[in-house]
Amino acid sequence: MELGNALNWFEIPVNDFDRAKKFYEIIFDYQMPEMMMGPNRMGFFLYDQPGGKVGGAIVYNPGFYTPVANGTLAYLNCQPDLQVQLDKVEAAGGKIHQAKMEIAPGQNLGFIAIIHDSEGNRVALHSMS
């Protein structure tokens, strides 16, 4: 087995696709491309696919996906400073669960904040400053 990224793709379940898409478009300040993939309505986070980077999407398929506040925790890239996205969370319909904090002072691992999106999912934000 060849080691690479521990994560190859992620999907964040949503109950109301349009509301969730608007939430993420507001905090990241870009339009999420969307498409149907089989029974799944998906909105894609922007990432460098040709460069081999890892991406993910919000996904609506109520028979298969259910948003959850205590499940797997995805860390979204918010370079250079997650505070930009964090400052938009509440106005976009989300809640701040944990304010920005340094992960391990002195170890250069960056900063995180934890939010609940418009659908109730717990999601982490990460940046190096």
C-alpha atoms as a PDB file:
ATOM      1  CA  MET A   1       0.000   0.000   0.000  1.00  0.00           C
ATOM      2  CA  GLU A   2       1.341   3.406  -0.981  1.00  0.00           C
ATOM      3  CA  LEU A   3       0.922   6.087   1.677  1.00  0.00           C
ATOM      4  CA  GLY A   4      -0.477   9.428   0.628  1.00  0.00           C
ATOM      5  CA  ASN A   5      -3.215  11.604   2.064  1.00  0.00           C
ATOM      6  CA  ALA A   6      -5.133   9.974   4.897  1.00  0.00           C
ATOM      7  CA  LEU A   7      -8.255  11.529   3.381  1.00  0.00           C
ATOM      8  CA  ASN A   8      -9.250  11.175  -0.291  1.00  0.00           C
ATOM      9  CA  TRP A   9     -12.709  12.781  -0.259  1.00  0.00           C
ATOM     10  CA  PHE A  10     -15.359  13.898   2.234  1.00  0.00           C
ATOM     11  CA  GLU A  11     -19.098  14.497   2.109  1.00  0.00           C
ATOM     12  CA  ILE A  12     -21.087  16.626   4.533  1.00  0.00           C
ATOM     13  CA  PRO A  13     -24.780  15.624   4.691  1.00  0.00           C
ATOM     14  CA  VAL A  14     -27.438  18.327   4.412  1.00  0.00           C
ATOM     15  CA  ASN A  15     -31.214  18.443   4.963  1.00  0.00           C
ATOM     16  CA  ASP A  16     -31.823  21.632   2.976  1.00  0.00           C
ATOM     17  CA  PHE A  17     -29.405  21.791   0.052  1.00  0.00           C
ATOM     18  CA  ASP A  18     -30.058  25.418  -0.917  1.00  0.00           C
ATOM     19  CA  ARG A  19     -29.692  26.659   2.678  1.00  0.00           C
ATOM     20  CA  ALA A  20     -26.482  24.679   3.219  1.00  0.00           C
ATOM     21  CA  LYS A  21     -25.012  25.775  -0.114  1.00  0.00           C
ATOM     22  CA  LYS A  22     -25.720  29.406   0.736  1.00  0.00           C
ATOM     23  CA  PHE A  23     -24.110  28.946   4.188  1.00  0.00           C
ATOM     24  CA  TYR A  24     -20.843  27.626   2.753  1.00  0.00           C
ATOM     25  CA  GLU A  25     -20.848  30.140  -0.123  1.00  0.00           C
ATOM     26  CA  ILE A  26     -21.147  32.971   2.402  1.00  0.00           C
ATOM     27  CA  ILE A  27     -18.391  31.839   4.725  1.00  0.00           C
ATOM     28  CA  PHE A  28     -15.960  30.913   1.912  1.00  0.00           C
ATOM     29  CA  ASP A  29     -16.972  33.776  -0.407  1.00  0.00           C
ATOM     30  CA  TYR A  30     -17.255  31.684  -3.583  1.00  0.00           C
ATOM     31  CA  GLN A  31     -19.945  29.935  -5.613  1.00  0.00           C
ATOM     32  CA  MET A  32     -20.071  26.173  -5.039  1.00  0.00           C
ATOM     33  CA  PRO A  33     -20.387  24.259  -8.294  1.00  0.00           C
ATOM     34  CA  GLU A  34     -23.211  21.744  -8.030  1.00  0.00           C
ATOM     35  CA  MET A  35     -24.431  18.697  -9.892  1.00  0.00           C
ATOM     36  CA  MET A  36     -26.451  15.544  -9.542  1.00  0.00           C
ATOM     37  CA  MET A  37     -24.444  12.351  -9.137  1.00  0.00           C
ATOM     38  CA  GLY A  38     -26.928   9.507  -9.225  1.00  0.00           C
ATOM     39  CA  PRO A  39     -29.499  10.269  -6.504  1.00  0.00           C
ATOM     40  CA  ASN A  40     -27.156  12.742  -4.763  1.00  0.00           C
ATOM     41  CA  ARG A  41     -27.386  16.506  -5.189  1.00  0.00           C
ATOM     42  CA  MET A  42     -23.866  17.721  -4.513  1.00  0.00           C
ATOM     43  CA  GLY A  43     -22.216  21.118  -3.978  1.00  0.00           C
ATOM     44  CA  PHE A  44     -18.430  21.068  -4.291  1.00  0.00           C
ATOM     45  CA  PHE A  45     -15.842  22.849  -2.171  1.00  0.00           C
ATOM     46  CA  LEU A  46     -13.234  24.449  -4.438  1.00  0.00           C
ATOM     47  CA  TYR A  47      -9.890  22.648  -4.490  1.00  0.00           C
ATOM     48  CA  ASP A  48      -6.934  21.947  -6.791  1.00  0.00           C
ATOM     49  CA  GLN A  49      -8.028  18.647  -8.365  1.00  0.00           C
ATOM     50  CA  PRO A  50      -5.445  18.744 -11.207  1.00  0.00           C
ATOM     51  CA  GLY A  51      -2.741  19.272  -8.555  1.00  0.00           C
ATOM     52  CA  GLY A  52      -3.815  16.118  -6.727  1.00  0.00           C
ATOM     53  CA  LYS A  53      -5.322  17.929  -3.736  1.00  0.00           C
ATOM     54  CA  VAL A  54      -8.170  16.499  -1.637  1.00  0.00           C
ATOM     55  CA  GLY A  55     -11.714  17.822  -1.956  1.00  0.00           C
ATOM     56  CA  GLY A  56     -15.221  17.258  -0.759  1.00  0.00           C
ATOM     57  CA  ALA A  57     -18.833  18.263  -1.074  1.00  0.00           C
ATOM     58  CA  ILE A  58     -22.094  18.905   0.662  1.00  0.00           C
ATOM     59  CA  VAL A  59     -24.594  16.249  -0.332  1.00  0.00           C
ATOM     60  CA  TYR A  60     -28.369  15.909  -0.228  1.00  0.00           C
ATOM     61  CA  ASN A  61     -29.907  12.444  -0.343  1.00  0.00           C
ATOM     62  CA  PRO A  62     -32.272  12.063   2.629  1.00  0.00           C
ATOM     63  CA  GLY A  63     -32.567   8.309   2.204  1.00  0.00           C
ATOM     64  CA  PHE A  64     -28.826   7.864   2.669  1.00  0.00           C
ATOM     65  CA  TYR A  65     -27.381  10.916   4.494  1.00  0.00           C
ATOM     66  CA  THR A  66     -28.349  12.480   7.815  1.00  0.00           C
ATOM     67  CA  PRO A  67     -26.600  15.529   9.303  1.00  0.00           C
ATOM     68  CA  VAL A  68     -25.129  14.856  12.740  1.00  0.00           C
ATOM     69  CA  ALA A  69     -23.558  17.011  15.436  1.00  0.00           C
ATOM     70  CA  ASN A  70     -21.376  14.314  16.995  1.00  0.00           C
ATOM     71  CA  GLY A  71     -20.022  12.281  14.080  1.00  0.00           C
ATOM     72  CA  THR A  72     -16.801  12.410  12.106  1.00  0.00           C
ATOM     73  CA  LEU A  73     -15.152  15.815  12.256  1.00  0.00           C
ATOM     74  CA  ALA A  74     -13.950  17.237   8.925  1.00  0.00           C
ATOM     75  CA  TYR A  75     -11.380  20.054   9.064  1.00  0.00           C
ATOM     76  CA  LEU A  76     -11.917  22.587   6.274  1.00  0.00           C
ATOM     77  CA  ASN A  77      -8.922  24.513   4.956  1.00  0.00           C
ATOM     78  CA  CYS A  78      -9.291  28.224   5.719  1.00  0.00           C
ATOM     79  CA  GLN A  79      -5.846  29.555   4.780  1.00  0.00           C
ATOM     80  CA  PRO A  80      -4.429  31.982   5.518  1.00  0.00           C
ATOM     81  CA  ASP A  81      -6.549  32.789   8.621  1.00  0.00           C
ATOM     82  CA  LEU A  82      -9.730  30.936   9.654  1.00  0.00           C
ATOM     83  CA  GLN A  83     -10.982  34.029  11.481  1.00  0.00           C
ATOM     84  CA  VAL A  84     -12.227  35.357   8.105  1.00  0.00           C
ATOM     85  CA  GLN A  85     -14.645  32.418   7.731  1.00  0.00           C
ATOM     86  CA  LEU A  86     -15.422  32.221  11.456  1.00  0.00           C
ATOM     87  CA  ASP A  87     -16.597  35.836  11.449  1.00  0.00           C
ATOM     88  CA  LYS A  88     -19.268  34.914   8.856  1.00  0.00           C
ATOM     89  CA  VAL A  89     -20.652  31.758  10.489  1.00  0.00           C
ATOM     90  CA  GLU A  90     -23.456  33.202  12.638  1.00  0.00           C
ATOM     91  CA  ALA A  91     -24.697  35.657   9.997  1.00  0.00           C
ATOM     92  CA  ALA A  92     -24.838  32.731   7.541  1.00  0.00           C
ATOM     93  CA  GLY A  93     -27.053  30.679   9.866  1.00  0.00           C
ATOM     94  CA  GLY A  94     -24.483  28.610  11.755  1.00  0.00           C
ATOM     95  CA  LYS A  95     -23.208  28.585  15.329  1.00  0.00           C
ATOM     96  CA  ILE A  96     -19.726  28.803  16.790  1.00  0.00           C
ATOM     97  CA  HIS A  97     -19.074  25.844  19.068  1.00  0.00           C
ATOM     98  CA  GLN A  98     -15.413  26.606  19.855  1.00  0.00           C
ATOM     99  CA  ALA A  99     -13.703  29.904  19.106  1.00  0.00           C
ATOM    100  CA  LYS A 100     -10.369  30.054  17.308  1.00  0.00           C
ATOM    101  CA  MET A 101      -7.597  28.492  19.348  1.00  0.00           C
ATOM    102  CA  GLU A 102      -4.024  27.386  18.779  1.00  0.00           C
ATOM    103  CA  ILE A 103      -3.843  23.588  18.465  1.00  0.00           C
ATOM    104  CA  ALA A 104      -0.599  22.971  20.357  1.00  0.00           C
ATOM    105  CA  PRO A 105       1.276  26.130  21.330  1.00  0.00           C
ATOM    106  CA  GLY A 106       4.900  26.044  20.204  1.00  0.00           C
ATOM    107  CA  GLN A 107       4.438  23.100  17.808  1.00  0.00           C
ATOM    108  CA  ASN A 108       3.474  25.039  14.660  1.00  0.00           C
ATOM    109  CA  LEU A 109       0.302  23.016  13.971  1.00  0.00           C
ATOM    110  CA  GLY A 110      -1.882  26.044  13.402  1.00  0.00           C
ATOM    111  CA  PHE A 111      -5.298  27.047  14.690  1.00  0.00           C
ATOM    112  CA  ILE A 112      -8.765  25.521  14.727  1.00  0.00           C
ATOM    113  CA  ALA A 113     -12.329  26.562  15.447  1.00  0.00           C
ATOM    114  CA  ILE A 114     -15.362  24.316  15.559  1.00  0.00           C
ATOM    115  CA  ILE A 115     -18.723  25.354  14.179  1.00  0.00           C
ATOM    116  CA  HIS A 116     -22.165  23.909  13.575  1.00  0.00           C
ATOM    117  CA  ASP A 117     -23.268  24.604  10.016  1.00  0.00           C
ATOM    118  CA  SER A 118     -26.793  25.547   8.940  1.00  0.00           C
ATOM    119  CA  GLU A 119     -27.749  21.835   8.997  1.00  0.00           C
ATOM    120  CA  GLY A 120     -26.433  21.078  12.499  1.00  0.00           C
ATOM    121  CA  ASN A 121     -23.256  19.316  11.355  1.00  0.00           C
ATOM    122  CA  ARG A 122     -20.186  19.851  13.522  1.00  0.00           C
ATOM    123  CA  VAL A 123     -17.361  21.036  11.250  1.00  0.00           C
ATOM    124  CA  ALA A 124     -13.840  22.264  12.081  1.00  0.00           C
ATOM    125  CA  LEU A 125     -12.020  25.144  10.438  1.00  0.00           C
ATOM    126  CA  HIS A 126      -8.196  25.080  10.221  1.00  0.00           C
ATOM    127  CA  SER A 127      -5.497  27.568   9.268  1.00  0.00           C
ATOM    128  CA  MET A 128      -1.836  28.082  10.104  1.00  0.00           C
ATOM    129  CA  SER A 129      -2.369  31.629  11.400  1.00  0.00           C
END
